[in-house]
Protein backbone atom coordinates (compact mmCIF):
# COMPACT_ATOMS: atom_id res chain seq x y z
CA MET A 1 20.55 128.53 82.92
CA ASN A 2 20.88 130.17 86.22
CA ALA A 3 23.72 129.08 88.81
CA LYS A 4 22.07 126.28 90.23
CA CYS A 5 21.26 124.56 87.15
CA LYS A 6 24.75 125.22 85.96
CA LYS A 7 26.17 123.87 89.32
CA PHE A 8 23.58 120.69 89.28
CA LEU A 9 24.86 120.07 85.45
CA THR A 10 28.77 120.23 86.21
CA MET A 11 28.80 117.76 89.08
CA LEU A 12 27.04 115.75 86.93
CA LEU A 13 29.66 115.92 84.36
CA LEU A 14 32.16 114.98 86.97
CA VAL A 15 30.05 111.91 88.43
CA CYS A 16 30.10 110.66 85.32
CA VAL A 17 33.77 111.43 84.37
CA SER A 18 34.66 109.55 87.89
CA ILE A 19 32.55 106.35 86.42
CA GLY A 20 34.13 106.70 83.60
CA ALA A 21 32.70 104.06 80.94
CA ALA A 22 30.77 101.60 83.23
CA GLY A 23 28.13 103.63 84.33
CA CYS A 24 28.37 106.76 81.93
CA SER A 25 29.08 105.61 78.47
CA ALA A 26 27.21 108.58 77.09
CA TYR A 27 30.08 110.84 77.71
CA SER A 28 33.41 109.86 76.73
CA ASN A 29 36.35 111.70 78.07
CA GLN A 30 36.96 113.84 74.62
CA ARG A 31 33.17 114.98 75.18
CA TYR A 32 34.53 115.48 79.18
CA TYR A 33 37.31 117.64 77.84
CA GLU A 34 35.91 119.82 75.37
CA ARG A 35 32.86 120.71 78.11
CA ALA A 36 35.93 121.90 80.20
CA GLN A 37 37.51 123.76 77.09
CA LEU A 38 34.43 126.03 76.79
CA MET A 39 34.28 126.76 80.36
CA MET A 40 37.16 127.85 80.28
CA GLY A 41 36.24 130.29 77.32
CA SER A 42 32.68 131.58 79.47
CA GLY A 43 35.70 131.61 81.94
CA GLU A 44 34.33 129.10 84.54
CA TYR A 45 37.65 128.61 85.46
CA ALA A 46 37.13 127.19 89.09
CA GLU A 47 34.16 124.65 87.29
CA ALA A 48 36.81 123.78 84.24
CA ALA A 49 39.85 123.24 86.57
CA GLU A 50 37.80 120.56 88.53
CA LEU A 51 36.51 118.98 85.39
CA PHE A 52 40.84 118.67 84.05
CA HIS A 53 41.63 117.51 87.55
CA GLN A 54 38.56 114.84 87.45
CA LEU A 55 40.47 113.84 83.54
CA GLY A 56 43.37 113.35 84.94
CA GLU A 57 46.32 112.20 82.74
CA TYR A 58 44.16 112.56 79.57
CA GLU A 59 45.87 114.15 76.66
CA ASP A 60 47.16 117.53 78.89
CA SER A 61 44.68 118.13 81.61
CA ALA A 62 46.67 118.40 84.28
CA GLU A 63 47.98 121.09 82.88
CA TYR A 64 44.97 122.54 81.47
CA ALA A 65 43.69 121.57 85.41
CA LEU A 66 46.61 124.15 87.05
CA TYR A 67 45.93 127.08 84.31
CA ALA A 68 42.55 126.89 85.17
CA ALA A 69 42.76 127.12 88.84
CA ALA A 70 45.41 129.94 88.39
CA LEU A 71 43.08 131.75 86.36
CA ASP A 72 40.88 131.36 89.18
CA ALA A 73 42.85 132.71 91.81
CA LEU A 74 43.79 135.63 89.87
CA GLN A 75 40.00 136.54 88.87
CA ARG A 76 39.61 136.12 93.01
CA GLY A 77 42.62 138.38 93.82
CA LYS A 78 45.03 136.05 94.92
CA ILE A 79 48.15 136.73 93.21
CA ASP A 80 50.42 134.33 94.92
CA LEU A 81 48.10 131.53 94.58
CA ALA A 82 47.94 132.55 90.72
CA ARG A 83 51.63 133.09 90.31
CA ALA A 84 52.59 129.59 92.13
CA ASN A 85 50.12 128.04 89.89
CA LEU A 86 51.53 129.20 86.41
CA MET A 87 54.93 128.85 87.53
CA GLU A 88 54.30 124.77 87.19
CA ILE A 89 53.27 124.85 83.80
CA ALA A 90 54.64 127.40 81.79
CA PRO A 91 54.68 127.95 79.09
CA PHE A 92 52.30 126.45 78.98
CA LYS A 93 49.55 128.46 77.01
CA SER A 94 49.60 131.75 78.07
CA ALA A 95 51.45 130.91 81.16
CA ASP A 96 54.65 133.21 80.31
CA ARG A 97 52.49 136.30 79.73
CA TYR A 98 50.10 135.72 82.83
CA LEU A 99 53.32 135.81 84.87
CA ARG A 100 54.46 138.91 83.21
CA TYR A 101 50.82 140.42 83.96
CA LEU A 102 51.22 139.41 87.56
CA ASP A 103 54.26 141.09 87.64
CA ALA A 104 53.03 144.37 86.42
CA LEU A 105 50.34 143.97 88.26
CA ASP A 106 52.71 144.05 91.62
CA ALA A 107 54.64 146.81 90.43
CA GLU A 108 51.44 148.65 90.06
CA ASN A 109 50.20 147.49 93.85
CA GLU A 110 53.52 148.71 94.85
CA GLY A 111 53.50 152.15 93.49
CA GLU A 112 56.54 151.20 90.53
CA LEU A 113 53.85 153.07 87.63
CA ASP A 114 56.83 153.53 85.50
CA SER A 115 57.84 149.93 85.39
CA ALA A 116 54.34 148.61 85.40
CA LEU A 117 53.15 150.59 82.06
CA ASP A 118 56.42 149.31 80.76
CA ILE A 119 55.17 145.68 81.22
CA TYR A 120 51.84 146.52 80.20
CA VAL A 121 52.20 148.29 77.08
CA SER A 122 54.88 144.64 76.22
CA LEU A 123 52.14 142.65 76.66
CA GLY A 124 49.98 144.99 74.41
CA SER A 125 46.02 143.16 73.83
CA PHE A 126 46.86 140.67 76.06
CA GLU A 127 43.53 140.46 78.93
CA ASP A 128 43.09 144.04 80.14
CA CYS A 129 46.83 145.31 79.10
CA ALA A 130 45.69 148.10 77.32
CA GLU A 131 43.11 150.04 79.52
CA ARG A 132 45.96 149.30 81.97
CA ALA A 133 48.53 150.58 80.41
CA GLN A 134 46.23 154.13 79.28
CA ALA A 135 45.59 154.20 82.96
CA LEU A 136 49.20 154.39 84.12
CA GLU A 137 49.86 157.32 81.21
CA ALA A 138 47.83 159.34 82.88
CA ALA A 139 48.21 158.45 87.32
CA ILE A 140 52.03 158.57 86.27
CA PRO A 141 52.79 162.04 85.70
CA GLU A 142 50.03 163.20 88.74
CA GLN A 143 52.38 160.35 90.63
CA ALA A 144 55.71 162.61 89.74
CA ILE A 145 54.23 165.97 90.72
CA ARG A 146 52.86 164.29 93.88
CA GLN A 147 56.68 163.10 94.66
CA GLY A 148 58.25 166.65 93.68
CA ARG A 149 55.90 167.85 96.20
CA GLN A 150 57.34 165.74 98.80
CA LEU A 151 60.80 166.42 97.79
CA MET A 152 60.08 170.60 98.11
CA SER A 153 59.38 170.00 101.41
CA GLN A 154 61.91 167.55 102.07
CA GLY A 155 64.37 171.11 100.87
CA ASP A 156 65.61 168.89 97.80
CA TYR A 157 64.72 171.43 95.49
CA GLU A 158 67.00 170.17 92.65
CA GLY A 159 65.59 167.09 92.95
CA ALA A 160 62.06 168.45 92.39
CA ARG A 161 62.72 170.34 89.63
CA ASP A 162 64.22 167.76 87.76
CA LEU A 163 61.21 165.77 88.31
CA PHE A 164 59.00 168.30 86.98
CA LEU A 165 60.93 169.40 83.89
CA SER A 166 60.58 165.80 83.23
CA LEU A 167 57.11 166.21 82.63
CA ASN A 168 57.39 168.42 80.37
CA GLY A 169 54.40 170.98 81.06
CA TYR A 170 52.16 168.69 82.12
CA GLY A 171 49.60 169.99 84.56
CA GLN A 172 50.71 172.61 87.72
CA SER A 173 54.56 171.42 86.49
CA ARG A 174 55.95 174.39 85.07
CA ALA A 175 55.03 176.69 87.76
CA LEU A 176 56.28 173.98 90.10
CA SER A 177 59.50 174.19 88.15
CA ASP A 178 60.12 177.54 88.38
CA ALA A 179 59.43 177.13 92.48
CA CYS A 180 62.32 175.24 92.88
CA THR A 181 64.26 177.33 90.81
CA ALA A 182 63.87 180.61 92.45
CA ALA A 183 64.16 178.52 96.01
CA ILE A 184 67.54 176.95 94.59
CA ALA A 185 68.46 180.74 94.13
CA ARG A 186 67.25 181.76 97.68
CA LYS A 187 69.11 178.96 99.08
CA ALA A 188 72.60 179.46 96.78
CA TYR A 189 72.33 183.51 97.15
CA LEU A 190 72.11 182.86 101.68
CA ALA A 191 74.59 180.52 101.18
CA ALA A 192 77.01 183.02 99.57
CA GLU A 193 76.35 185.70 101.58
CA ASP A 194 77.36 183.28 104.54
CA LEU A 195 80.84 182.59 102.96
CA LEU A 196 80.84 186.38 103.19
CA GLY A 197 79.55 186.70 106.41
CA ALA A 198 82.77 184.40 107.45
CA GLY A 199 85.65 186.37 105.24
CA ASP A 200 85.83 183.97 102.85
CA TYR A 201 85.55 186.29 99.80
CA LEU A 202 86.83 184.67 97.60
CA GLY A 203 84.29 181.80 98.14
CA ALA A 204 81.81 184.38 98.10
CA MET A 205 82.65 185.97 94.83
CA ASN A 206 82.98 182.63 92.88
CA ALA A 207 79.54 181.67 94.39
CA PHE A 208 77.82 185.21 93.33
CA ALA A 209 78.90 185.36 90.20
CA ALA A 210 77.83 181.47 89.58
CA MET A 211 74.22 183.13 89.85
CA GLY A 212 74.89 184.90 87.12
CA ASP A 213 71.62 188.10 87.35
CA THR A 214 69.69 186.14 89.82
CA LEU A 215 68.79 188.67 92.46
CA ASP A 216 71.75 191.37 92.42
CA ALA A 217 74.50 188.93 92.56
CA ALA A 218 76.40 189.83 89.78
CA HIS A 219 76.53 193.48 92.19
CA ARG A 220 77.60 191.65 95.02
CA ALA A 221 80.09 189.51 93.15
CA GLU A 222 82.03 193.01 92.83
CA GLU A 223 82.04 193.99 96.41
CA CYS A 224 83.41 190.33 97.19
CA ARG A 225 86.06 190.90 94.99
CA LEU A 226 86.97 194.35 95.80
CA LEU A 227 87.20 192.98 99.41
CA LEU A 228 89.45 190.69 97.81
CA LEU A 229 91.73 192.98 96.11
CA LYS A 230 92.10 195.08 99.28
CA GLN A 231 92.39 191.75 100.80
CA ALA A 232 95.66 190.89 98.46
CA GLU A 233 97.09 194.38 98.68
CA GLU A 234 97.23 194.55 102.29
CA ALA A 235 98.81 190.85 102.23
CA PHE A 236 101.49 191.73 99.69
CA GLN A 237 102.74 194.83 101.94
CA ALA A 238 103.20 192.71 105.04
CA VAL A 239 104.71 189.66 102.72
CA THR A 240 107.72 187.43 104.04
CA LEU A 241 109.09 184.80 102.36
CA GLU A 242 106.90 182.36 105.04
CA THR A 243 103.18 183.92 103.50
CA ALA A 244 104.21 184.36 100.03
CA ASP A 245 103.96 180.96 98.71
CA ALA A 246 100.15 180.82 99.64
CA LEU A 247 99.48 184.73 98.73
CA ASP A 248 100.86 183.67 94.72
CA GLU A 249 98.73 180.32 95.13
CA GLN A 250 95.33 182.95 95.71
CA LEU A 251 96.97 185.05 93.02
CA GLU A 252 97.74 183.14 90.40
CA SER A 253 93.68 182.00 90.67
CA LEU A 254 92.77 185.43 90.40
CA SER A 255 95.40 185.79 87.43
CA ALA A 256 92.89 186.34 84.66
CA ASP A 257 92.31 189.36 86.49
CA ALA A 258 94.53 192.66 85.76
CA ALA A 259 94.95 193.76 89.28
CA PHE A 260 95.78 190.49 90.87
CA ALA A 261 97.96 189.86 87.90
CA GLU A 262 99.79 193.06 88.94
CA ILE A 263 100.51 192.13 92.32
CA ARG A 264 101.71 188.71 91.47
CA GLN A 265 103.58 190.05 89.19
CA ALA A 266 105.27 192.21 92.22
CA LEU A 267 105.42 189.29 94.37
CA ALA A 268 107.32 187.15 91.35
CA GLU A 269 109.67 190.83 91.34
CA LYS A 270 110.36 190.85 95.00
CA PHE A 271 110.77 187.35 95.61
CA GLY A 272 112.68 185.71 92.40
CA VAL A 273 112.39 182.26 92.24
CA ASN A 274 112.51 182.08 95.61
CA LEU A 275 108.94 180.61 95.38
CA SER A 276 109.19 178.07 92.93
CA LEU A 277 112.54 176.53 94.88
CA LEU A 278 110.29 176.38 98.26
CA ARG A 279 107.47 174.47 96.24
CA ALA A 280 110.09 171.97 94.36
CA ALA A 281 111.74 171.09 97.26
CA ARG A 282 109.24 169.83 99.38
CA SER A 283 107.86 167.15 96.65
CA GLU A 284 111.89 166.65 94.32
CA HIS A 285 114.98 167.54 95.34
CA PRO A 286 115.97 170.44 92.79
CA TYR A 287 119.71 171.28 92.12
CA VAL A 288 120.39 174.83 92.82
CA LEU A 289 124.35 176.38 92.24
CA LEU A 290 125.55 178.04 95.03
CA GLY A 291 129.20 179.71 95.87
CA THR A 292 132.62 178.31 93.96
CA TYR A 293 135.66 176.08 94.34
CA PRO A 294 138.53 174.05 93.05
CA MET A 295 137.51 172.25 90.43
CA GLY A 296 139.69 171.63 87.71
CA GLU A 297 142.49 169.63 88.06
CA SER A 298 144.52 172.93 88.21
CA GLY A 299 143.01 174.10 90.33
CA ALA A 300 140.72 175.85 88.96
CA GLU A 301 137.80 177.52 90.78
CA SER A 302 133.76 176.89 89.37
CA ASP A 303 130.63 176.90 90.54
CA VAL A 304 129.41 174.53 93.34
CA LEU A 305 125.89 172.11 92.15
CA TRP A 306 123.93 171.32 94.45
CA GLN A 307 120.93 169.12 95.46
CA VAL A 308 118.36 169.82 97.87
CA LEU A 309 117.60 167.38 100.61
CA ARG A 310 114.55 169.11 101.73
CA VAL A 311 113.52 172.35 103.47
CA ASP A 312 113.05 173.60 106.78
CA GLY A 313 110.33 176.59 106.80
CA ASN A 314 112.41 178.94 104.55
CA GLN A 315 115.74 176.97 104.74
CA LEU A 316 116.90 174.55 102.31
CA VAL A 317 119.07 171.70 103.63
CA LEU A 318 121.85 170.96 100.23
CA LEU A 319 124.30 168.53 99.76
CA CYS A 320 127.44 169.02 97.22
CA CYS A 321 126.98 167.29 94.25
CA SER A 322 130.35 165.90 94.89
CA VAL A 323 133.18 165.18 96.65
CA ILE A 324 135.30 168.58 96.66
CA ASP A 325 138.30 168.22 98.33
CA ALA A 326 139.99 165.05 100.34
CA SER A 327 140.88 165.10 104.64
CA SER A 328 142.37 163.03 106.56
CA VAL A 329 139.93 164.39 109.24
CA ALA A 330 135.99 164.68 109.70
CA THR A 331 136.11 168.61 109.36
CA THR A 332 135.43 171.56 107.12
CA SER A 333 136.49 174.03 109.71
CA ASP A 334 139.39 174.69 107.00
CA LEU A 335 137.23 174.20 104.05
CA PRO A 336 137.61 177.74 102.36
CA MET A 337 134.25 178.10 100.00
CA ALA A 338 134.60 181.00 97.74
CA ASP A 339 131.86 183.19 97.00
CA THR A 340 129.30 181.51 99.15
CA PRO A 341 127.04 183.87 100.99
CA ASP A 342 126.76 184.98 104.79
CA ALA A 343 123.16 182.86 104.62
CA ALA A 344 124.53 179.95 104.09
CA GLU A 345 126.32 177.53 107.12
CA ILE A 346 128.69 175.44 105.61
CA SER A 347 128.97 171.36 107.66
CA LEU A 348 129.33 167.65 107.45
CA PRO A 349 126.30 165.84 106.64
CA SER A 350 124.98 163.52 108.55
CA ALA A 351 123.33 159.83 108.02
CA ALA A 352 119.71 161.57 108.99
CA ASP A 353 120.06 164.09 106.69
CA LEU A 354 120.68 161.45 103.89
CA ALA A 355 117.39 159.68 104.64
CA THR A 356 115.68 160.95 102.47
CA LEU A 357 118.10 160.25 99.24
CA THR A 358 117.79 156.60 97.97
CA ASP A 359 121.47 157.02 96.04
CA LEU A 360 124.19 157.78 98.18
CA THR A 361 127.05 157.86 95.78
CA CYS A 362 128.81 160.95 94.01
CA THR A 363 132.33 160.79 92.38
CA ALA A 364 135.26 162.81 92.99
CA THR A 365 135.75 166.48 91.40
CA PRO A 366 139.39 166.28 89.27
CA TYR A 367 140.93 168.87 92.29
CA ALA A 368 139.78 165.87 94.99
CA ALA A 369 140.86 163.54 93.42
CA ALA A 370 144.65 165.30 92.90
CA GLN A 371 144.82 165.45 96.76
CA GLY A 372 144.47 161.74 97.12
CA ALA A 373 140.67 161.68 97.45
CA SER A 374 138.11 158.83 96.46
CA ALA A 375 134.59 159.00 96.28
CA VAL A 376 134.05 157.83 99.62
CA TYR A 377 133.14 160.73 102.26
CA TRP A 378 132.75 162.08 105.52
CA LEU A 379 130.05 162.25 108.24
CA ARG A 380 129.61 164.36 110.96
CA ASP A 381 127.57 161.54 112.85
CA THR A 382 130.53 160.42 115.84
CA LEU A 383 130.73 156.91 117.00
CA GLU A 384 131.21 155.58 120.62
CA SER A 385 134.89 155.36 119.78
CA GLY A 386 135.38 158.63 118.78
CA ILE A 387 135.51 157.49 114.39
CA HIS A 388 133.32 159.20 112.56
CA PRO A 389 132.15 156.80 109.24
CA VAL A 390 131.90 156.85 106.11
CA ILE A 391 129.59 156.28 103.06
CA SER A 392 131.38 154.10 101.19
CA GLU A 393 131.59 154.61 96.49
CA THR A 394 128.73 151.75 97.39
CA GLY A 395 126.93 154.21 98.93
CA ALA A 396 127.02 152.36 102.18
CA LEU A 397 127.66 153.12 105.80
CA THR A 398 131.11 151.66 107.31
CA LEU A 399 134.06 152.92 109.10
CA PRO A 400 137.02 154.30 107.34
CA ALA A 401 139.62 152.19 105.97
CA ASP A 402 143.41 152.57 106.56
CA THR A 403 144.20 152.87 102.95
CA GLU A 404 142.14 155.22 102.41
CA VAL A 405 141.73 159.30 102.10
CA PRO A 406 138.14 160.53 102.87
CA GLY A 407 137.11 163.01 100.55
CA ILE A 408 134.60 166.31 101.80
CA ARG A 409 131.34 166.26 100.83
CA PRO A 410 129.91 169.25 102.12
CA LEU A 411 126.39 170.06 103.31
CA ALA A 412 124.91 173.27 103.28
CA LEU A 413 121.97 175.44 105.40
CA LEU A 414 120.80 178.11 103.23
CA ASP A 415 118.15 180.42 104.58
CA LEU A 416 116.17 181.81 101.86
CA THR A 417 114.69 184.89 103.61
CA ALA A 418 118.44 186.46 102.71
CA TYR A 419 119.80 184.93 99.58
CA VAL A 420 117.42 185.20 96.95
CA PHE A 421 117.63 182.89 93.54
CA THR A 422 117.29 184.89 90.34
CA ALA A 423 117.05 181.68 87.39
CA GLY A 424 117.23 178.49 86.06
CA ASP A 425 114.59 176.00 86.57
CA GLY A 426 115.93 173.49 89.15
CA THR A 427 117.31 170.71 86.37
CA GLU A 428 120.73 169.52 86.93
CA GLU A 429 121.25 171.07 84.12
CA ASN A 430 119.72 174.48 84.37
CA PRO A 431 119.56 174.66 88.57
CA TYR A 432 118.59 177.57 90.08
CA ARG A 433 121.06 180.55 90.32
């Protein structure tokens, strides 16, 4: 039957349906419904859609009308129209599967081939999913090759190599991966050369070493090591306490190498534990022993314990941990600190000196208490009235009471370039000394 005859018969059926029992009793709604189903089966979706529409609310004709219209739209490439109709009736018949099929088509059209392939595979033999999946399995590697080449042209050799390696030897992927590896090596080599040219021997050495046997990287790494060793030796010859910390940190990162470990040992012997003390003082308040003074009630002298308030360059600012003597006036001019090195300058603390401490309280030594001192201590600050304030037993800044004798809690400035500590770890139990 030609198309013209089919169209005529379809129109005849539609007329019969529209006039109902009054004019076309030979055909019942059931027979029209069955005829529409046959049209669906033969792919005459537009005609079927119209016939179902004319059947109105008979059985599920309304849903079938939209279903057939969706398949007709799909046949004609009108994806959005097909999707809209299917969403109206889902999950009717295979509407849900068709919607996923449309998702796959969209993904494929947008170049998202992996996503499209996953959907086609999940749909199995539905429509032409198997054929489309087979086609994509061949197309995806080719797409990846193109993407990898694009990344190479942009200089992203690492990304391109990862993409080529994921293809497991497909086509030219192995050769292209090798080309990326060579380009990455050349890039790394040039970067290492730039570090060397800038005088960053350590950075250059590490960069060349990371390249393994690539090109002459191992030889170049050794050249950098020798330059770095010469640099370290020269730095040691001119080292001061001010520069020793940075040199020690550099040597620490190289201490696995015996030549650098030897220089670091010599550095430690030269400055004792002053390096550790300086580092601790920048973030903590370590303790040190410095000088002697009567401590016991009998006047017997003992080592004096101090706490580091801060570090100024190579100078430590130390606060005595106790009130060690009594004084009716704010002065340390008559404080005979025995065995205090010339590198130490003794004075009273100021309020600004104490700013880094959270607890300003302390105790008086038995000797200081025997002289009449309490835990109240003088500051060197002077008020407009000429009176020196004190720190009370509760740690508050206040004026001295007439009934009390404030004590002396001395402050010391210690030049570490002129005084070397040799033992201790900075704790109160094991102070630097």
